[in-house]
Structures are given as structure tokens and as C-alpha cells.
Amino acid sequence: MEFNVADLHRKERDLRSAMDEVLNAVNGAKNASNTSSIEKLNHSGIMKLNKDTLANLVEKLSKLLPSNIELCKSAAGTLDSVKTELIEVQREQLKSVKKTVQTEMQSWSDI
């Protein structure tokens, strides 16, 4: 999988949608206290879900995980490549500056 920002945004939407489903299921469960965000979700809230709902949510998240892992690997590879290119460009710029400084020093010593 080749990394691109559009894929990243699509995967983010998919994950947010799945997390919203979890949150809605927990909030809709019998005797549920209203959980305002996925970060505030706790064990007792999840335990109020019936097995079928929980199984469906786990299945959906399980299907999202591998593609997100591959996207992260691809992004890391792209970052490494860009970092390597940037370092090479900086080395070339330093060589150019060094050459310019040496030339200037030589011209000043001739005066």
C-alpha cells in the first residue's frame, strides 16, 4: 500500500465511525450511563452490551486494524525516504556553503 493523505483521512473516518458505533451502542445499552466520548468509555459500559452487538463491533474493528497498520508502515517508509532525501539536500547545501566560504577566505587572503 502506497501512502497518501487521502487514504489517511479515509481510514481516520472509518475508525471514527467505528468508535462512534461503539459509543452509540454503549449509550443505547440497557441501564447505561451516558458516556460523552470514547475516551471516557469504561469496562462497565462495555459489559452492558449484548454479545451480538459486542461481536459485531469487535469484528468491524478487527477488519479496520490490518489496513491501518499497513497504512502506518507505508507512512513510516515514506517519512524515512523523505528524511533521507532531505539529509542529502542539506549535505549538498553545506558543501556549497563550505566551498563559498573557502573561496571568500582565499580572496580575502589575496588582498
N, C-alpha and C. Protein backbone atom coordinates (compact mmCIF):
# COMPACT_ATOMS: atom_id res chain seq x y z
N MET A 1 0.85 -1.18 0.00
CA MET A 1 0.00 0.00 0.00
C MET A 1 0.89 1.24 0.00
N GLU A 2 0.69 2.08 -0.97
CA GLU A 2 1.45 3.33 -1.08
C GLU A 2 0.75 4.38 -0.23
N PHE A 3 1.52 5.08 0.57
CA PHE A 3 0.95 6.08 1.47
C PHE A 3 0.50 7.32 0.71
N ASN A 4 -0.69 7.80 1.03
CA ASN A 4 -1.13 9.12 0.59
C ASN A 4 -2.11 9.67 1.62
N VAL A 5 -2.24 10.96 1.65
CA VAL A 5 -3.03 11.64 2.67
C VAL A 5 -4.51 11.30 2.54
N ALA A 6 -4.99 11.11 1.33
CA ALA A 6 -6.40 10.77 1.14
C ALA A 6 -6.74 9.45 1.84
N ASP A 7 -5.85 8.46 1.72
CA ASP A 7 -6.06 7.19 2.42
C ASP A 7 -6.07 7.39 3.92
N LEU A 8 -5.16 8.22 4.38
CA LEU A 8 -5.08 8.50 5.82
C LEU A 8 -6.39 9.09 6.32
N HIS A 9 -6.95 10.04 5.60
CA HIS A 9 -8.20 10.66 6.01
C HIS A 9 -9.37 9.67 5.93
N ARG A 10 -9.36 8.82 4.91
CA ARG A 10 -10.42 7.82 4.78
C ARG A 10 -10.36 6.83 5.94
N LYS A 11 -9.17 6.38 6.29
CA LYS A 11 -9.01 5.45 7.41
C LYS A 11 -9.41 6.10 8.72
N GLU A 12 -9.08 7.37 8.87
CA GLU A 12 -9.47 8.09 10.08
C GLU A 12 -11.00 8.16 10.18
N ARG A 13 -11.67 8.46 9.07
CA ARG A 13 -13.14 8.50 9.08
C ARG A 13 -13.72 7.13 9.44
N ASP A 14 -13.13 6.07 8.86
CA ASP A 14 -13.61 4.71 9.15
C ASP A 14 -13.46 4.38 10.63
N LEU A 15 -12.31 4.74 11.20
CA LEU A 15 -12.09 4.47 12.62
C LEU A 15 -13.02 5.30 13.51
N ARG A 16 -13.19 6.56 13.16
CA ARG A 16 -14.09 7.41 13.95
C ARG A 16 -15.53 6.89 13.87
N SER A 17 -15.92 6.42 12.69
CA SER A 17 -17.25 5.86 12.52
C SER A 17 -17.43 4.62 13.40
N ALA A 18 -16.43 3.75 13.40
CA ALA A 18 -16.49 2.55 14.23
C ALA A 18 -16.53 2.91 15.71
N MET A 19 -15.74 3.89 16.11
CA MET A 19 -15.74 4.32 17.51
C MET A 19 -17.07 4.96 17.89
N ASP A 20 -17.67 5.69 16.97
CA ASP A 20 -19.00 6.27 17.23
C ASP A 20 -20.04 5.17 17.40
N GLU A 21 -19.92 4.11 16.61
CA GLU A 21 -20.83 2.98 16.76
C GLU A 21 -20.69 2.34 18.13
N VAL A 22 -19.45 2.19 18.59
CA VAL A 22 -19.21 1.63 19.93
C VAL A 22 -19.86 2.53 20.97
N LEU A 23 -19.62 3.82 20.86
CA LEU A 23 -20.16 4.77 21.81
C LEU A 23 -21.70 4.77 21.80
N ASN A 24 -22.27 4.76 20.61
CA ASN A 24 -23.73 4.73 20.50
C ASN A 24 -24.31 3.44 21.06
N ALA A 25 -23.63 2.33 20.82
CA ALA A 25 -24.10 1.05 21.34
C ALA A 25 -24.05 1.04 22.87
N VAL A 26 -22.97 1.57 23.42
CA VAL A 26 -22.84 1.61 24.88
C VAL A 26 -23.89 2.53 25.48
N ASN A 27 -24.08 3.69 24.86
CA ASN A 27 -25.08 4.64 25.38
C ASN A 27 -26.50 4.12 25.20
N GLY A 28 -26.72 3.29 24.21
CA GLY A 28 -28.05 2.73 23.97
C GLY A 28 -28.33 1.46 24.75
N ALA A 29 -27.33 0.94 25.44
CA ALA A 29 -27.49 -0.31 26.18
C ALA A 29 -28.41 -0.10 27.39
N LYS A 30 -29.01 -1.17 27.81
CA LYS A 30 -29.91 -1.13 28.96
C LYS A 30 -29.15 -0.70 30.22
N ASN A 31 -29.73 0.20 30.98
CA ASN A 31 -29.13 0.71 32.23
C ASN A 31 -27.79 1.41 32.01
N ALA A 32 -27.61 1.97 30.84
CA ALA A 32 -26.32 2.61 30.53
C ALA A 32 -26.31 4.04 31.04
N SER A 33 -25.14 4.43 31.55
CA SER A 33 -24.96 5.85 31.85
C SER A 33 -24.45 6.49 30.57
N ASN A 34 -24.79 7.71 30.32
CA ASN A 34 -24.44 8.36 29.06
C ASN A 34 -22.94 8.70 29.04
N THR A 35 -22.21 8.06 28.16
CA THR A 35 -20.78 8.30 28.00
C THR A 35 -20.60 9.32 26.89
N SER A 36 -19.93 10.43 27.21
CA SER A 36 -19.85 11.54 26.26
C SER A 36 -18.78 11.37 25.19
N SER A 37 -17.74 10.60 25.46
CA SER A 37 -16.68 10.41 24.46
C SER A 37 -16.07 9.03 24.60
N ILE A 38 -15.44 8.60 23.54
CA ILE A 38 -14.84 7.27 23.54
C ILE A 38 -13.73 7.16 24.58
N GLU A 39 -13.08 8.29 24.89
CA GLU A 39 -12.01 8.29 25.89
C GLU A 39 -12.55 8.00 27.29
N LYS A 40 -13.84 8.29 27.51
CA LYS A 40 -14.44 8.07 28.82
C LYS A 40 -15.13 6.71 28.92
N LEU A 41 -15.05 5.94 27.87
CA LEU A 41 -15.65 4.61 27.86
C LEU A 41 -14.91 3.72 28.86
N ASN A 42 -15.65 2.92 29.60
CA ASN A 42 -15.01 2.05 30.59
C ASN A 42 -15.54 0.63 30.49
N HIS A 43 -14.96 -0.23 31.27
CA HIS A 43 -15.28 -1.65 31.26
C HIS A 43 -16.76 -1.90 31.56
N SER A 44 -17.28 -1.22 32.56
CA SER A 44 -18.68 -1.48 32.95
C SER A 44 -19.64 -1.09 31.83
N GLY A 45 -19.32 -0.01 31.09
CA GLY A 45 -20.17 0.38 29.96
C GLY A 45 -20.17 -0.67 28.87
N ILE A 46 -19.02 -1.20 28.57
CA ILE A 46 -18.90 -2.23 27.53
C ILE A 46 -19.60 -3.52 27.96
N MET A 47 -19.52 -3.84 29.24
CA MET A 47 -20.14 -5.07 29.74
C MET A 47 -21.66 -5.04 29.64
N LYS A 48 -22.25 -3.87 29.47
CA LYS A 48 -23.71 -3.77 29.34
C LYS A 48 -24.20 -4.11 27.94
N LEU A 49 -23.27 -4.25 27.00
CA LEU A 49 -23.65 -4.60 25.63
C LEU A 49 -24.02 -6.08 25.56
N ASN A 50 -24.95 -6.40 24.67
CA ASN A 50 -25.23 -7.82 24.48
C ASN A 50 -24.14 -8.42 23.60
N LYS A 51 -24.04 -9.72 23.62
CA LYS A 51 -22.94 -10.40 22.92
C LYS A 51 -22.95 -10.15 21.41
N ASP A 52 -24.12 -10.12 20.82
CA ASP A 52 -24.21 -9.92 19.38
C ASP A 52 -23.68 -8.53 18.98
N THR A 53 -24.10 -7.51 19.71
CA THR A 53 -23.63 -6.15 19.43
C THR A 53 -22.13 -6.07 19.63
N LEU A 54 -21.65 -6.63 20.71
CA LEU A 54 -20.22 -6.61 21.00
C LEU A 54 -19.43 -7.36 19.93
N ALA A 55 -19.93 -8.51 19.52
CA ALA A 55 -19.26 -9.29 18.48
C ALA A 55 -19.19 -8.52 17.17
N ASN A 56 -20.28 -7.85 16.80
CA ASN A 56 -20.29 -7.06 15.56
C ASN A 56 -19.28 -5.92 15.62
N LEU A 57 -19.21 -5.25 16.76
CA LEU A 57 -18.27 -4.14 16.91
C LEU A 57 -16.82 -4.63 16.87
N VAL A 58 -16.55 -5.74 17.54
CA VAL A 58 -15.19 -6.29 17.53
C VAL A 58 -14.81 -6.73 16.11
N GLU A 59 -15.76 -7.33 15.40
CA GLU A 59 -15.50 -7.76 14.03
C GLU A 59 -15.17 -6.56 13.14
N LYS A 60 -15.94 -5.50 13.27
CA LYS A 60 -15.70 -4.31 12.45
C LYS A 60 -14.33 -3.70 12.75
N LEU A 61 -14.00 -3.58 14.03
CA LEU A 61 -12.69 -3.03 14.41
C LEU A 61 -11.56 -3.94 13.95
N SER A 62 -11.78 -5.25 14.01
CA SER A 62 -10.75 -6.21 13.57
C SER A 62 -10.47 -6.08 12.08
N LYS A 63 -11.48 -5.75 11.31
CA LYS A 63 -11.29 -5.59 9.87
C LYS A 63 -10.57 -4.28 9.54
N LEU A 64 -10.75 -3.27 10.39
CA LEU A 64 -10.08 -1.98 10.16
C LEU A 64 -8.61 -2.02 10.55
N LEU A 65 -8.26 -2.84 11.51
CA LEU A 65 -6.91 -2.84 12.04
C LEU A 65 -5.80 -3.15 11.03
N PRO A 66 -5.88 -4.24 10.27
CA PRO A 66 -4.77 -4.56 9.35
C PRO A 66 -4.48 -3.46 8.32
N SER A 67 -5.52 -2.88 7.74
CA SER A 67 -5.28 -1.84 6.74
C SER A 67 -4.68 -0.59 7.38
N ASN A 68 -5.06 -0.30 8.62
CA ASN A 68 -4.47 0.84 9.31
C ASN A 68 -3.01 0.59 9.67
N ILE A 69 -2.69 -0.63 10.03
CA ILE A 69 -1.29 -0.98 10.31
C ILE A 69 -0.45 -0.83 9.05
N GLU A 70 -0.98 -1.32 7.91
CA GLU A 70 -0.25 -1.19 6.65
C GLU A 70 -0.08 0.27 6.25
N LEU A 71 -1.11 1.07 6.48
CA LEU A 71 -1.01 2.50 6.18
C LEU A 71 0.07 3.16 7.04
N CYS A 72 0.13 2.79 8.31
CA CYS A 72 1.16 3.34 9.20
C CYS A 72 2.57 2.93 8.74
N LYS A 73 2.72 1.68 8.34
CA LYS A 73 4.01 1.21 7.83
C LYS A 73 4.41 1.97 6.57
N SER A 74 3.45 2.17 5.69
CA SER A 74 3.72 2.90 4.46
C SER A 74 4.10 4.35 4.76
N ALA A 75 3.38 4.96 5.69
CA ALA A 75 3.69 6.34 6.08
C ALA A 75 5.09 6.42 6.67
N ALA A 76 5.45 5.46 7.50
CA ALA A 76 6.79 5.45 8.10
C ALA A 76 7.86 5.30 7.02
N GLY A 77 7.61 4.45 6.04
CA GLY A 77 8.55 4.29 4.94
C GLY A 77 8.70 5.56 4.13
N THR A 78 7.59 6.22 3.88
CA THR A 78 7.62 7.49 3.14
C THR A 78 8.38 8.55 3.93
N LEU A 79 8.14 8.62 5.23
CA LEU A 79 8.86 9.58 6.07
C LEU A 79 10.36 9.31 6.06
N ASP A 80 10.75 8.04 6.15
CA ASP A 80 12.17 7.69 6.10
C ASP A 80 12.79 8.11 4.78
N SER A 81 12.08 7.89 3.70
CA SER A 81 12.58 8.26 2.38
C SER A 81 12.75 9.77 2.26
N VAL A 82 11.73 10.51 2.70
CA VAL A 82 11.80 11.97 2.63
C VAL A 82 12.92 12.49 3.52
N LYS A 83 13.08 11.89 4.70
CA LYS A 83 14.13 12.30 5.63
C LYS A 83 15.51 12.07 5.00
N THR A 84 15.69 10.94 4.35
CA THR A 84 16.96 10.63 3.70
C THR A 84 17.24 11.63 2.58
N GLU A 85 16.23 11.95 1.79
CA GLU A 85 16.39 12.94 0.72
C GLU A 85 16.74 14.32 1.28
N LEU A 86 16.07 14.68 2.35
CA LEU A 86 16.32 15.98 2.99
C LEU A 86 17.74 16.07 3.53
N ILE A 87 18.19 15.01 4.15
CA ILE A 87 19.56 14.99 4.67
C ILE A 87 20.56 15.14 3.53
N GLU A 88 20.31 14.48 2.42
CA GLU A 88 21.22 14.57 1.27
C GLU A 88 21.24 16.00 0.71
N VAL A 89 20.07 16.62 0.61
CA VAL A 89 20.00 18.00 0.13
C VAL A 89 20.77 18.92 1.08
N GLN A 90 20.60 18.72 2.38
CA GLN A 90 21.31 19.55 3.35
C GLN A 90 22.82 19.36 3.25
N ARG A 91 23.26 18.14 3.00
CA ARG A 91 24.70 17.88 2.83
C ARG A 91 25.25 18.64 1.62
N GLU A 92 24.47 18.60 0.54
CA GLU A 92 24.90 19.31 -0.67
C GLU A 92 24.94 20.82 -0.42
N GLN A 93 23.98 21.34 0.32
CA GLN A 93 23.97 22.76 0.63
C GLN A 93 25.16 23.12 1.51
N LEU A 94 25.48 22.26 2.46
CA LEU A 94 26.65 22.52 3.32
C LEU A 94 27.94 22.51 2.51
N LYS A 95 28.05 21.59 1.57
CA LYS A 95 29.23 21.55 0.71
C LYS A 95 29.35 22.85 -0.08
N SER A 96 28.22 23.32 -0.59
CA SER A 96 28.22 24.55 -1.36
C SER A 96 28.62 25.74 -0.48
N VAL A 97 28.10 25.81 0.71
CA VAL A 97 28.45 26.89 1.63
C VAL A 97 29.93 26.81 2.00
N LYS A 98 30.41 25.61 2.25
CA LYS A 98 31.82 25.42 2.60
C LYS A 98 32.71 25.89 1.45
N LYS A 99 32.35 25.53 0.24
CA LYS A 99 33.12 25.94 -0.93
C LYS A 99 33.11 27.46 -1.08
N THR A 100 31.93 28.07 -0.88
CA THR A 100 31.82 29.53 -0.97
C THR A 100 32.67 30.21 0.09
N VAL A 101 32.62 29.70 1.31
CA VAL A 101 33.42 30.27 2.40
C VAL A 101 34.91 30.13 2.09
N GLN A 102 35.32 28.98 1.62
CA GLN A 102 36.73 28.78 1.28
C GLN A 102 37.18 29.74 0.18
N THR A 103 36.32 29.92 -0.83
CA THR A 103 36.63 30.84 -1.91
C THR A 103 36.75 32.26 -1.39
N GLU A 104 35.83 32.67 -0.54
CA GLU A 104 35.86 34.01 0.04
C GLU A 104 37.10 34.20 0.92
N MET A 105 37.42 33.18 1.70
CA MET A 105 38.62 33.28 2.55
C MET A 105 39.89 33.41 1.69
N GLN A 106 39.91 32.67 0.60
CA GLN A 106 41.06 32.75 -0.30
C GLN A 106 41.17 34.13 -0.91
N SER A 107 40.01 34.68 -1.32
CA SER A 107 40.07 36.02 -1.92
C SER A 107 40.47 37.08 -0.90
N TRP A 108 40.07 36.90 0.36
CA TRP A 108 40.47 37.85 1.41
C TRP A 108 41.95 37.71 1.73
N SER A 109 42.45 36.51 1.65
CA SER A 109 43.89 36.34 1.96
C SER A 109 44.75 36.89 0.84
N ASP A 110 44.21 36.94 -0.38
CA ASP A 110 44.95 37.52 -1.51
C ASP A 110 45.06 39.04 -1.39
N ILE A 111 44.15 39.64 -0.64
CA ILE A 111 44.16 41.12 -0.52
C ILE A 111 45.16 41.52 0.45
